[in-house]
Amino acid sequence: MFTGVLLLLLGLLMLLERTGFIVGDVWDLFIPIALIALGTSFIFRRKKNSCC
């Protein structure tokens, strides 16, 4: 699921840059957002062996 969200976000950023809503390089925006998303997924990830 995380990979799908990441790909969706990348596609959205590229589309916004292509249409002129975002000025600059997509990678300048994508890298920090990807790191935030990755950190958030680690924080909220549930362990499979957890009882609650």
PDB file of N, CA and C in Angstrom:
ATOM      1  N   MET A   1       0.812  -1.186   0.000  1.00  0.00           N
ATOM      2  CA  MET A   1       0.000   0.000   0.000  1.00  0.00           C
ATOM      3  C   MET A   1       0.861   1.259   0.000  1.00  0.00           C
ATOM      4  N   PHE A   2       1.937   1.227   0.754  1.00  0.00           N
ATOM      5  CA  PHE A   2       2.816   2.391   0.849  1.00  0.00           C
ATOM      6  C   PHE A   2       3.414   2.732  -0.513  1.00  0.00           C
ATOM      7  N   THR A   3       3.796   1.727  -1.264  1.00  0.00           N
ATOM      8  CA  THR A   3       4.384   1.953  -2.586  1.00  0.00           C
ATOM      9  C   THR A   3       3.363   2.595  -3.519  1.00  0.00           C
ATOM     10  N   GLY A   4       2.137   2.157  -3.450  1.00  0.00           N
ATOM     11  CA  GLY A   4       1.093   2.731  -4.290  1.00  0.00           C
ATOM     12  C   GLY A   4       0.846   4.199  -3.989  1.00  0.00           C
ATOM     13  N   VAL A   5       0.828   4.544  -2.698  1.00  0.00           N
ATOM     14  CA  VAL A   5       0.639   5.938  -2.306  1.00  0.00           C
ATOM     15  C   VAL A   5       1.821   6.775  -2.768  1.00  0.00           C
ATOM     16  N   LEU A   6       3.011   6.239  -2.645  1.00  0.00           N
ATOM     17  CA  LEU A   6       4.209   6.954  -3.073  1.00  0.00           C
ATOM     18  C   LEU A   6       4.189   7.213  -4.583  1.00  0.00           C
ATOM     19  N   LEU A   7       3.804   6.218  -5.361  1.00  0.00           N
ATOM     20  CA  LEU A   7       3.716   6.391  -6.806  1.00  0.00           C
ATOM     21  C   LEU A   7       2.618   7.385  -7.188  1.00  0.00           C
ATOM     22  N   LEU A   8       1.506   7.335  -6.483  1.00  0.00           N
ATOM     23  CA  LEU A   8       0.430   8.285  -6.731  1.00  0.00           C
ATOM     24  C   LEU A   8       0.889   9.706  -6.439  1.00  0.00           C
ATOM     25  N   LEU A   9       1.598   9.889  -5.355  1.00  0.00           N
ATOM     26  CA  LEU A   9       2.113  11.203  -4.987  1.00  0.00           C
ATOM     27  C   LEU A   9       3.122  11.709  -6.016  1.00  0.00           C
ATOM     28  N   LEU A  10       3.989  10.849  -6.473  1.00  0.00           N
ATOM     29  CA  LEU A  10       4.967  11.230  -7.487  1.00  0.00           C
ATOM     30  C   LEU A  10       4.274  11.642  -8.784  1.00  0.00           C
ATOM     31  N   GLY A  11       3.281  10.884  -9.207  1.00  0.00           N
ATOM     32  CA  GLY A  11       2.543  11.231 -10.407  1.00  0.00           C
ATOM     33  C   GLY A  11       1.808  12.547 -10.265  1.00  0.00           C
ATOM     34  N   LEU A  12       1.239  12.794  -9.101  1.00  0.00           N
ATOM     35  CA  LEU A  12       0.538  14.044  -8.857  1.00  0.00           C
ATOM     36  C   LEU A  12       1.495  15.231  -8.895  1.00  0.00           C
ATOM     37  N   LEU A  13       2.648  15.088  -8.283  1.00  0.00           N
ATOM     38  CA  LEU A  13       3.636  16.169  -8.311  1.00  0.00           C
ATOM     39  C   LEU A  13       4.113  16.456  -9.733  1.00  0.00           C
ATOM     40  N   MET A  14       4.342  15.405 -10.512  1.00  0.00           N
ATOM     41  CA  MET A  14       4.782  15.601 -11.892  1.00  0.00           C
ATOM     42  C   MET A  14       3.696  16.272 -12.728  1.00  0.00           C
ATOM     43  N   LEU A  15       2.438  15.895 -12.497  1.00  0.00           N
ATOM     44  CA  LEU A  15       1.337  16.514 -13.221  1.00  0.00           C
ATOM     45  C   LEU A  15       1.201  17.989 -12.854  1.00  0.00           C
ATOM     46  N   LEU A  16       1.315  18.301 -11.572  1.00  0.00           N
ATOM     47  CA  LEU A  16       1.221  19.694 -11.140  1.00  0.00           C
ATOM     48  C   LEU A  16       2.365  20.536 -11.697  1.00  0.00           C
ATOM     49  N   GLU A  17       3.557  19.946 -11.792  1.00  0.00           N
ATOM     50  CA  GLU A  17       4.686  20.679 -12.371  1.00  0.00           C
ATOM     51  C   GLU A  17       4.458  20.898 -13.871  1.00  0.00           C
ATOM     52  N   ARG A  18       3.967  19.887 -14.544  1.00  0.00           N
ATOM     53  CA  ARG A  18       3.751  19.958 -15.992  1.00  0.00           C
ATOM     54  C   ARG A  18       2.697  21.011 -16.347  1.00  0.00           C
ATOM     55  N   THR A  19       1.670  21.141 -15.501  1.00  0.00           N
ATOM     56  CA  THR A  19       0.605  22.107 -15.773  1.00  0.00           C
ATOM     57  C   THR A  19       0.936  23.506 -15.273  1.00  0.00           C
ATOM     58  N   GLY A  20       2.031  23.666 -14.541  1.00  0.00           N
ATOM     59  CA  GLY A  20       2.465  24.987 -14.127  1.00  0.00           C
ATOM     60  C   GLY A  20       2.045  25.389 -12.726  1.00  0.00           C
ATOM     61  N   PHE A  21       1.389  24.498 -11.992  1.00  0.00           N
ATOM     62  CA  PHE A  21       0.999  24.831 -10.622  1.00  0.00           C
ATOM     63  C   PHE A  21       2.197  24.823  -9.681  1.00  0.00           C
ATOM     64  N   ILE A  22       3.184  23.996  -9.970  1.00  0.00           N
ATOM     65  CA  ILE A  22       4.420  23.932  -9.187  1.00  0.00           C
ATOM     66  C   ILE A  22       5.552  24.418 -10.083  1.00  0.00           C
ATOM     67  N   VAL A  23       6.276  25.400  -9.604  1.00  0.00           N
ATOM     68  CA  VAL A  23       7.412  25.927 -10.352  1.00  0.00           C
ATOM     69  C   VAL A  23       8.680  25.354  -9.730  1.00  0.00           C
ATOM     70  N   GLY A  24       9.529  24.773 -10.533  1.00  0.00           N
ATOM     71  CA  GLY A  24      10.770  24.203 -10.031  1.00  0.00           C
ATOM     72  C   GLY A  24      10.861  22.727 -10.348  1.00  0.00           C
ATOM     73  N   ASP A  25      11.767  22.078  -9.673  1.00  0.00           N
ATOM     74  CA  ASP A  25      12.028  20.664  -9.898  1.00  0.00           C
ATOM     75  C   ASP A  25      11.145  19.808  -8.995  1.00  0.00           C
ATOM     76  N   VAL A  26      10.517  18.779  -9.568  1.00  0.00           N
ATOM     77  CA  VAL A  26       9.657  17.880  -8.793  1.00  0.00           C
ATOM     78  C   VAL A  26      10.451  17.175  -7.701  1.00  0.00           C
ATOM     79  N   TRP A  27      11.681  16.821  -7.990  1.00  0.00           N
ATOM     80  CA  TRP A  27      12.469  16.070  -7.020  1.00  0.00           C
ATOM     81  C   TRP A  27      12.761  16.895  -5.770  1.00  0.00           C
ATOM     82  N   ASP A  28      12.815  18.219  -5.921  1.00  0.00           N
ATOM     83  CA  ASP A  28      13.012  19.065  -4.753  1.00  0.00           C
ATOM     84  C   ASP A  28      11.833  18.969  -3.791  1.00  0.00           C
ATOM     85  N   LEU A  29      10.651  18.684  -4.306  1.00  0.00           N
ATOM     86  CA  LEU A  29       9.474  18.515  -3.460  1.00  0.00           C
ATOM     87  C   LEU A  29       9.246  17.063  -3.066  1.00  0.00           C
ATOM     88  N   PHE A  30       9.561  16.150  -3.972  1.00  0.00           N
ATOM     89  CA  PHE A  30       9.234  14.741  -3.746  1.00  0.00           C
ATOM     90  C   PHE A  30      10.081  14.099  -2.651  1.00  0.00           C
ATOM     91  N   ILE A  31      11.356  14.382  -2.613  1.00  0.00           N
ATOM     92  CA  ILE A  31      12.242  13.742  -1.640  1.00  0.00           C
ATOM     93  C   ILE A  31      11.810  14.035  -0.200  1.00  0.00           C
ATOM     94  N   PRO A  32      11.582  15.295   0.190  1.00  0.00           N
ATOM     95  CA  PRO A  32      11.134  15.527   1.575  1.00  0.00           C
ATOM     96  C   PRO A  32       9.771  14.907   1.879  1.00  0.00           C
ATOM     97  N   ILE A  33       8.847  14.960   0.909  1.00  0.00           N
ATOM     98  CA  ILE A  33       7.529  14.365   1.136  1.00  0.00           C
ATOM     99  C   ILE A  33       7.642  12.851   1.275  1.00  0.00           C
ATOM    100  N   ALA A  34       8.495  12.234   0.481  1.00  0.00           N
ATOM    101  CA  ALA A  34       8.699  10.788   0.568  1.00  0.00           C
ATOM    102  C   ALA A  34       9.299  10.405   1.920  1.00  0.00           C
ATOM    103  N   LEU A  35      10.241  11.194   2.415  1.00  0.00           N
ATOM    104  CA  LEU A  35      10.833  10.902   3.719  1.00  0.00           C
ATOM    105  C   LEU A  35       9.814  11.062   4.838  1.00  0.00           C
ATOM    106  N   ILE A  36       8.976  12.075   4.754  1.00  0.00           N
ATOM    107  CA  ILE A  36       7.924  12.264   5.760  1.00  0.00           C
ATOM    108  C   ILE A  36       6.942  11.102   5.725  1.00  0.00           C
ATOM    109  N   ALA A  37       6.549  10.680   4.533  1.00  0.00           N
ATOM    110  CA  ALA A  37       5.621   9.561   4.395  1.00  0.00           C
ATOM    111  C   ALA A  37       6.242   8.261   4.915  1.00  0.00           C
ATOM    112  N   LEU A  38       7.501   8.054   4.632  1.00  0.00           N
ATOM    113  CA  LEU A  38       8.183   6.855   5.109  1.00  0.00           C
ATOM    114  C   LEU A  38       8.265   6.844   6.632  1.00  0.00           C
ATOM    115  N   GLY A  39       8.625   7.968   7.213  1.00  0.00           N
ATOM    116  CA  GLY A  39       8.686   8.060   8.677  1.00  0.00           C
ATOM    117  C   GLY A  39       7.334   7.856   9.323  1.00  0.00           C
ATOM    118  N   THR A  40       6.298   8.419   8.704  1.00  0.00           N
ATOM    119  CA  THR A  40       4.943   8.256   9.231  1.00  0.00           C
ATOM    120  C   THR A  40       4.501   6.803   9.153  1.00  0.00           C
ATOM    121  N   SER A  41       4.858   6.134   8.075  1.00  0.00           N
ATOM    122  CA  SER A  41       4.479   4.722   7.950  1.00  0.00           C
ATOM    123  C   SER A  41       5.178   3.867   9.002  1.00  0.00           C
ATOM    124  N   PHE A  42       6.411   4.196   9.353  1.00  0.00           N
ATOM    125  CA  PHE A  42       7.119   3.462  10.404  1.00  0.00           C
ATOM    126  C   PHE A  42       6.486   3.722  11.770  1.00  0.00           C
ATOM    127  N   ILE A  43       6.036   4.932  11.993  1.00  0.00           N
ATOM    128  CA  ILE A  43       5.430   5.256  13.285  1.00  0.00           C
ATOM    129  C   ILE A  43       4.100   4.528  13.467  1.00  0.00           C
ATOM    130  N   PHE A  44       3.266   4.517  12.429  1.00  0.00           N
ATOM    131  CA  PHE A  44       1.927   3.967  12.547  1.00  0.00           C
ATOM    132  C   PHE A  44       1.809   2.514  12.122  1.00  0.00           C
ATOM    133  N   ARG A  45       2.925   1.891  11.795  1.00  0.00           N
ATOM    134  CA  ARG A  45       2.883   0.488  11.394  1.00  0.00           C
ATOM    135  C   ARG A  45       2.563  -0.382  12.606  1.00  0.00           C
ATOM    136  N   ARG A  46       1.640  -1.289  12.438  1.00  0.00           N
ATOM    137  CA  ARG A  46       1.283  -2.214  13.515  1.00  0.00           C
ATOM    138  C   ARG A  46       2.100  -3.491  13.336  1.00  0.00           C
ATOM    139  N   LYS A  47       2.509  -4.016  14.427  1.00  0.00           N
ATOM    140  CA  LYS A  47       3.243  -5.278  14.389  1.00  0.00           C
ATOM    141  C   LYS A  47       2.250  -6.422  14.175  1.00  0.00           C
ATOM    142  N   LYS A  48       2.631  -7.406  13.380  1.00  0.00           N
ATOM    143  CA  LYS A  48       1.730  -8.523  13.067  1.00  0.00           C
ATOM    144  C   LYS A  48       1.481  -9.412  14.290  1.00  0.00           C
ATOM    145  N   ASN A  49       2.440  -9.511  15.181  1.00  0.00           N
ATOM    146  CA  ASN A  49       2.301 -10.364  16.344  1.00  0.00           C
ATOM    147  C   ASN A  49       1.710  -9.630  17.538  1.00  0.00           C
ATOM    148  N   SER A  50       1.284  -8.403  17.355  1.00  0.00           N
ATOM    149  CA  SER A  50       0.723  -7.612  18.447  1.00  0.00           C
ATOM    150  C   SER A  50      -0.682  -8.096  18.757  1.00  0.00           C
ATOM    151  N   CYS A  51      -0.999  -8.156  20.034  1.00  0.00           N
ATOM    152  CA  CYS A  51      -2.317  -8.656  20.426  1.00  0.00           C
ATOM    153  C   CYS A  51      -3.373  -7.567  20.366  1.00  0.00           C
ATOM    154  N   CYS A  52      -2.981  -6.264  20.451  1.00  0.00           N
ATOM    155  CA  CYS A  52      -3.998  -5.198  20.505  1.00  0.00           C
ATOM    156  C   CYS A  52      -3.863  -4.237  19.361  1.00  0.00           C
TER     157      CYS A  52
END
